[in-house]
C-alpha cells in the first residue's frame, strides 16, 4: 500500500468513526429515555440508574447537630490524636430523612 492509498484508508476510517460516534450518542440518548438495558443481536446497551449521593455531615449540621454536639458522642471514637465521627451512622440514627443529590443515568455500549 502506498502513501496515497494509506491516506484514503485513514480518511475513510475518520468518516466511519465519526458516523459510529454519532450513532453511539443516539443509542445512549434513547436507552436513557427507555430507562432499561437494551440488547439487539450481539450489541448490549447497558442502562445504569443515577447514583445517589448523601451528605450525612451536612444534613446533621443543617439541623444544628454538628461536631461537638452531645448527640454525636455515641457515634464518636477517639483515634490517636483526634476524634472520628461516623457521620453515616449518626445521620441514620438521628435523622428521619437524609437529603441526597442524584447524578445522571448512564449507558455503556458493548459487543458481546
N, C-alpha and C. Protein backbone atom coordinates (compact mmCIF):
# COMPACT_ATOMS: atom_id res chain seq x y z
N UNK A 1 0.86 -1.17 0.00
CA UNK A 1 0.00 0.00 0.00
C UNK A 1 0.90 1.24 0.00
N UNK A 2 0.65 2.15 -0.90
CA UNK A 2 1.45 3.36 -0.95
C UNK A 2 0.82 4.44 -0.05
N UNK A 3 1.46 5.57 0.06
CA UNK A 3 1.01 6.62 0.98
C UNK A 3 -0.35 7.21 0.59
N UNK A 4 -0.62 7.30 -0.69
CA UNK A 4 -1.91 7.83 -1.14
C UNK A 4 -3.04 6.87 -0.74
N UNK A 5 -2.82 5.59 -0.95
CA UNK A 5 -3.82 4.59 -0.55
C UNK A 5 -4.00 4.60 0.96
N UNK A 6 -2.91 4.70 1.68
CA UNK A 6 -2.97 4.76 3.14
C UNK A 6 -3.76 5.99 3.59
N UNK A 7 -3.52 7.11 2.95
CA UNK A 7 -4.24 8.34 3.28
C UNK A 7 -5.73 8.17 3.06
N UNK A 8 -6.11 7.52 1.96
CA UNK A 8 -7.54 7.27 1.68
C UNK A 8 -8.17 6.39 2.75
N UNK A 9 -7.45 5.34 3.13
CA UNK A 9 -7.95 4.44 4.17
C UNK A 9 -8.12 5.19 5.50
N UNK A 10 -7.15 6.03 5.82
CA UNK A 10 -7.23 6.78 7.07
C UNK A 10 -8.40 7.76 7.06
N UNK A 11 -8.61 8.43 5.94
CA UNK A 11 -9.74 9.36 5.84
C UNK A 11 -11.06 8.62 5.89
N UNK A 12 -11.10 7.45 5.29
CA UNK A 12 -12.30 6.63 5.35
C UNK A 12 -12.59 6.21 6.80
N UNK A 13 -11.52 5.84 7.52
CA UNK A 13 -11.67 5.47 8.92
C UNK A 13 -12.21 6.64 9.73
N UNK A 14 -11.70 7.85 9.47
CA UNK A 14 -12.17 9.04 10.18
C UNK A 14 -13.67 9.24 9.98
N UNK A 15 -14.13 9.12 8.73
CA UNK A 15 -15.55 9.28 8.43
C UNK A 15 -16.39 8.21 9.13
N UNK A 16 -15.91 6.97 9.06
CA UNK A 16 -16.63 5.86 9.68
C UNK A 16 -16.70 6.04 11.19
N UNK A 17 -15.59 6.46 11.80
CA UNK A 17 -15.55 6.68 13.24
C UNK A 17 -16.50 7.79 13.65
N UNK A 18 -16.55 8.84 12.88
CA UNK A 18 -17.45 9.96 13.16
C UNK A 18 -18.91 9.49 13.10
N UNK A 19 -19.23 8.70 12.12
CA UNK A 19 -20.59 8.16 11.99
C UNK A 19 -20.91 7.23 13.17
N UNK A 20 -19.94 6.40 13.56
CA UNK A 20 -20.15 5.49 14.69
C UNK A 20 -20.36 6.27 15.99
N UNK A 21 -19.60 7.36 16.17
CA UNK A 21 -19.77 8.20 17.37
C UNK A 21 -21.16 8.82 17.42
N UNK A 22 -21.64 9.26 16.27
CA UNK A 22 -22.99 9.84 16.19
C UNK A 22 -24.04 8.79 16.54
N UNK A 23 -23.89 7.58 15.99
CA UNK A 23 -24.84 6.50 16.29
C UNK A 23 -24.80 6.13 17.78
N UNK A 24 -23.62 6.13 18.35
CA UNK A 24 -23.47 5.82 19.77
C UNK A 24 -24.23 6.83 20.63
N UNK A 25 -24.10 8.12 20.32
CA UNK A 25 -24.80 9.16 21.06
C UNK A 25 -26.31 8.99 20.95
N UNK A 26 -26.79 8.64 19.77
CA UNK A 26 -28.24 8.41 19.57
C UNK A 26 -28.70 7.23 20.42
N UNK A 27 -27.95 6.14 20.38
CA UNK A 27 -28.31 4.94 21.16
C UNK A 27 -28.32 5.26 22.64
N UNK A 28 -27.29 5.95 23.13
CA UNK A 28 -27.23 6.30 24.56
C UNK A 28 -28.42 7.15 24.96
N UNK A 29 -28.76 8.14 24.16
CA UNK A 29 -29.89 9.03 24.46
C UNK A 29 -31.19 8.23 24.53
N UNK A 30 -31.41 7.35 23.57
CA UNK A 30 -32.66 6.60 23.51
C UNK A 30 -32.76 5.56 24.63
N UNK A 31 -31.64 4.93 24.98
CA UNK A 31 -31.66 3.94 26.07
C UNK A 31 -31.88 4.64 27.41
N UNK A 32 -31.32 5.85 27.57
CA UNK A 32 -31.60 6.62 28.79
C UNK A 32 -33.09 6.92 28.88
N UNK A 33 -33.68 7.31 27.77
CA UNK A 33 -35.12 7.60 27.76
C UNK A 33 -35.94 6.35 28.05
N UNK A 34 -35.47 5.22 27.55
CA UNK A 34 -36.14 3.94 27.78
C UNK A 34 -36.03 3.53 29.25
N UNK A 35 -34.88 3.80 29.86
CA UNK A 35 -34.69 3.52 31.27
C UNK A 35 -34.37 2.08 31.62
N UNK A 36 -33.91 1.32 30.64
CA UNK A 36 -33.53 -0.07 30.90
C UNK A 36 -32.53 -0.55 29.86
N UNK A 37 -31.81 -1.62 30.20
CA UNK A 37 -30.83 -2.19 29.29
C UNK A 37 -31.53 -2.73 28.05
N UNK A 38 -30.90 -2.56 26.91
CA UNK A 38 -31.49 -2.98 25.64
C UNK A 38 -30.46 -3.80 24.88
N UNK A 39 -30.88 -4.97 24.39
CA UNK A 39 -29.98 -5.87 23.67
C UNK A 39 -30.58 -6.19 22.30
N UNK A 40 -29.74 -6.09 21.28
CA UNK A 40 -30.13 -6.47 19.93
C UNK A 40 -28.97 -7.25 19.35
N UNK A 41 -29.23 -8.52 18.99
CA UNK A 41 -28.15 -9.35 18.45
C UNK A 41 -27.01 -9.45 19.46
N UNK A 42 -25.81 -9.06 19.05
CA UNK A 42 -24.64 -9.12 19.92
C UNK A 42 -24.32 -7.78 20.58
N UNK A 43 -25.19 -6.79 20.42
CA UNK A 43 -24.93 -5.46 20.97
C UNK A 43 -25.77 -5.25 22.21
N UNK A 44 -25.10 -4.84 23.29
CA UNK A 44 -25.79 -4.59 24.56
C UNK A 44 -25.57 -3.14 24.95
N UNK A 45 -26.67 -2.43 25.17
CA UNK A 45 -26.62 -1.07 25.70
C UNK A 45 -27.08 -1.17 27.15
N UNK A 46 -26.13 -1.11 28.07
CA UNK A 46 -26.43 -1.30 29.48
C UNK A 46 -26.81 0.03 30.13
N UNK A 47 -28.01 0.05 30.72
CA UNK A 47 -28.52 1.23 31.41
C UNK A 47 -28.15 1.15 32.89
N UNK A 48 -27.65 2.23 33.43
CA UNK A 48 -27.35 2.31 34.87
C UNK A 48 -28.13 3.46 35.47
N UNK A 49 -28.87 3.17 36.54
CA UNK A 49 -29.64 4.20 37.23
C UNK A 49 -28.72 5.30 37.76
N UNK A 50 -29.29 6.48 37.94
CA UNK A 50 -28.50 7.56 38.54
C UNK A 50 -28.06 7.16 39.95
N UNK A 51 -26.87 7.57 40.31
CA UNK A 51 -26.36 7.28 41.66
C UNK A 51 -26.77 8.38 42.61
N UNK A 52 -27.14 7.97 43.80
CA UNK A 52 -27.48 8.94 44.85
C UNK A 52 -26.23 9.24 45.67
N UNK A 53 -26.12 10.49 46.07
CA UNK A 53 -25.00 10.91 46.90
C UNK A 53 -25.56 11.60 48.14
N UNK A 54 -25.24 11.06 49.30
CA UNK A 54 -25.74 11.59 50.55
C UNK A 54 -24.69 12.45 51.23
N UNK A 55 -25.11 13.57 51.79
CA UNK A 55 -24.23 14.44 52.57
C UNK A 55 -24.65 14.29 54.02
N UNK A 56 -24.18 13.22 54.66
CA UNK A 56 -24.59 12.92 56.03
C UNK A 56 -24.18 14.03 57.00
N UNK A 57 -22.95 14.46 56.89
CA UNK A 57 -22.47 15.50 57.80
C UNK A 57 -23.24 16.80 57.59
N UNK A 58 -23.42 17.19 56.33
CA UNK A 58 -24.16 18.41 56.03
C UNK A 58 -25.59 18.37 56.54
N UNK A 59 -26.21 17.20 56.43
CA UNK A 59 -27.59 17.05 56.90
C UNK A 59 -27.66 17.23 58.41
N UNK A 60 -26.69 16.66 59.13
CA UNK A 60 -26.67 16.81 60.59
C UNK A 60 -26.37 18.25 60.99
N UNK A 61 -25.42 18.86 60.31
CA UNK A 61 -25.08 20.25 60.63
C UNK A 61 -26.25 21.19 60.33
N UNK A 62 -27.04 20.87 59.32
CA UNK A 62 -28.18 21.70 58.97
C UNK A 62 -29.25 21.73 60.06
N UNK A 63 -29.30 20.69 60.87
CA UNK A 63 -30.28 20.66 61.97
C UNK A 63 -29.61 20.98 63.31
N UNK A 64 -28.42 21.58 63.25
CA UNK A 64 -27.74 22.01 64.47
C UNK A 64 -27.02 20.91 65.23
N UNK A 65 -26.72 19.83 64.55
CA UNK A 65 -26.09 18.68 65.20
C UNK A 65 -24.68 18.48 64.62
N UNK A 66 -23.87 19.54 64.71
CA UNK A 66 -22.53 19.48 64.15
C UNK A 66 -21.52 18.91 65.14
N UNK A 67 -20.27 19.00 64.75
CA UNK A 67 -19.18 18.48 65.56
C UNK A 67 -19.25 19.03 66.98
N UNK A 68 -19.06 18.16 67.95
CA UNK A 68 -19.11 18.55 69.35
C UNK A 68 -20.49 18.47 69.97
N UNK A 69 -21.51 18.25 69.18
CA UNK A 69 -22.88 18.16 69.71
C UNK A 69 -23.01 16.91 70.58
N UNK A 70 -23.76 17.03 71.64
CA UNK A 70 -23.95 15.95 72.61
C UNK A 70 -24.47 14.66 71.96
N UNK A 71 -25.37 14.78 70.99
CA UNK A 71 -25.98 13.59 70.37
C UNK A 71 -24.99 12.80 69.52
N UNK A 72 -23.86 13.38 69.18
CA UNK A 72 -22.87 12.69 68.34
C UNK A 72 -21.90 11.84 69.15
N UNK A 73 -21.94 11.96 70.47
CA UNK A 73 -20.96 11.24 71.30
C UNK A 73 -21.00 9.72 71.08
N UNK A 74 -22.17 9.15 70.94
CA UNK A 74 -22.25 7.70 70.74
C UNK A 74 -21.73 7.24 69.38
N UNK A 75 -21.55 8.19 68.46
CA UNK A 75 -21.04 7.86 67.12
C UNK A 75 -19.58 8.29 66.95
N UNK A 76 -18.96 8.70 68.05
CA UNK A 76 -17.60 9.23 68.02
C UNK A 76 -16.63 8.24 68.67
N UNK A 77 -15.51 8.01 67.99
CA UNK A 77 -14.43 7.20 68.57
C UNK A 77 -13.16 8.03 68.56
N UNK A 78 -12.33 7.80 69.55
CA UNK A 78 -11.07 8.53 69.63
C UNK A 78 -10.00 7.71 68.93
N UNK A 79 -9.39 8.30 67.91
CA UNK A 79 -8.35 7.64 67.14
C UNK A 79 -7.08 8.48 67.25
N UNK A 80 -6.06 7.91 67.88
CA UNK A 80 -4.79 8.60 68.10
C UNK A 80 -5.04 10.00 68.68
N UNK A 81 -4.76 11.04 67.94
CA UNK A 81 -4.84 12.39 68.50
C UNK A 81 -6.13 13.14 68.16
N UNK A 82 -7.09 12.48 67.56
CA UNK A 82 -8.33 13.19 67.20
C UNK A 82 -9.55 12.29 67.35
N UNK A 83 -10.71 12.93 67.36
CA UNK A 83 -11.96 12.20 67.42
C UNK A 83 -12.45 11.93 66.01
N UNK A 84 -12.99 10.74 65.79
CA UNK A 84 -13.53 10.37 64.50
C UNK A 84 -15.03 10.13 64.66
N UNK A 85 -15.81 10.84 63.86
CA UNK A 85 -17.27 10.71 63.93
C UNK A 85 -17.75 9.89 62.75
N UNK A 86 -18.57 8.90 63.01
CA UNK A 86 -19.20 8.11 61.95
C UNK A 86 -20.45 8.87 61.52
N UNK A 87 -20.27 9.78 60.57
CA UNK A 87 -21.36 10.65 60.13
C UNK A 87 -22.52 9.86 59.54
N UNK A 88 -22.21 8.79 58.83
CA UNK A 88 -23.26 7.97 58.21
C UNK A 88 -24.15 7.36 59.28
N UNK A 89 -23.53 6.69 60.25
CA UNK A 89 -24.30 6.06 61.32
C UNK A 89 -25.06 7.10 62.14
N UNK A 90 -24.42 8.24 62.39
CA UNK A 90 -25.07 9.29 63.16
C UNK A 90 -26.30 9.81 62.43
N UNK A 91 -26.16 10.08 61.14
CA UNK A 91 -27.30 10.60 60.37
C UNK A 91 -28.43 9.59 60.33
N UNK A 92 -28.08 8.31 60.12
CA UNK A 92 -29.13 7.28 60.08
C UNK A 92 -29.77 7.07 61.44
N UNK A 93 -29.03 7.30 62.51
CA UNK A 93 -29.57 7.12 63.85
C UNK A 93 -30.34 8.31 64.37
N UNK A 94 -30.03 9.50 63.89
CA UNK A 94 -30.64 10.72 64.42
C UNK A 94 -31.73 11.29 63.51
N UNK A 95 -31.50 11.26 62.22
CA UNK A 95 -32.43 11.90 61.27
C UNK A 95 -33.46 10.92 60.71
N UNK A 96 -34.62 11.45 60.38
CA UNK A 96 -35.66 10.65 59.73
C UNK A 96 -35.42 10.61 58.23
N UNK A 97 -35.20 11.78 57.65
CA UNK A 97 -34.94 11.89 56.21
C UNK A 97 -33.55 12.45 55.99
N UNK A 98 -32.79 11.80 55.12
CA UNK A 98 -31.46 12.27 54.78
C UNK A 98 -31.49 12.75 53.33
N UNK A 99 -31.26 14.06 53.12
CA UNK A 99 -31.30 14.56 51.74
C UNK A 99 -30.16 14.01 50.90
N UNK A 100 -30.40 13.95 49.62
CA UNK A 100 -29.38 13.44 48.70
C UNK A 100 -29.46 14.18 47.38
N UNK A 101 -28.38 14.10 46.64
CA UNK A 101 -28.38 14.59 45.27
C UNK A 101 -28.28 13.37 44.37
N UNK A 102 -28.77 13.52 43.16
CA UNK A 102 -28.77 12.39 42.24
C UNK A 102 -28.02 12.76 40.98
N UNK A 103 -27.10 11.91 40.58
CA UNK A 103 -26.35 12.12 39.35
C UNK A 103 -27.20 11.77 38.14
N UNK A 104 -26.55 11.67 37.01
CA UNK A 104 -27.26 11.31 35.78
C UNK A 104 -27.18 9.81 35.53
N UNK A 105 -28.19 9.29 34.87
CA UNK A 105 -28.15 7.90 34.43
C UNK A 105 -27.05 7.77 33.39
N UNK A 106 -26.54 6.56 33.22
CA UNK A 106 -25.50 6.36 32.21
C UNK A 106 -25.81 5.12 31.38
N UNK A 107 -25.23 5.09 30.21
CA UNK A 107 -25.40 3.96 29.30
C UNK A 107 -24.02 3.60 28.75
N UNK A 108 -23.74 2.32 28.72
CA UNK A 108 -22.50 1.86 28.08
C UNK A 108 -22.86 0.86 26.98
N UNK A 109 -22.09 0.91 25.91
CA UNK A 109 -22.32 0.03 24.76
C UNK A 109 -21.19 -1.00 24.66
N UNK A 110 -21.56 -2.20 24.30
CA UNK A 110 -20.53 -3.21 24.06
C UNK A 110 -21.06 -4.26 23.08
N UNK A 111 -20.15 -4.91 22.44
CA UNK A 111 -20.47 -6.02 21.55
C UNK A 111 -20.09 -7.29 22.29
N UNK A 112 -21.03 -8.24 22.38
CA UNK A 112 -20.76 -9.50 23.09
C UNK A 112 -19.65 -10.26 22.43
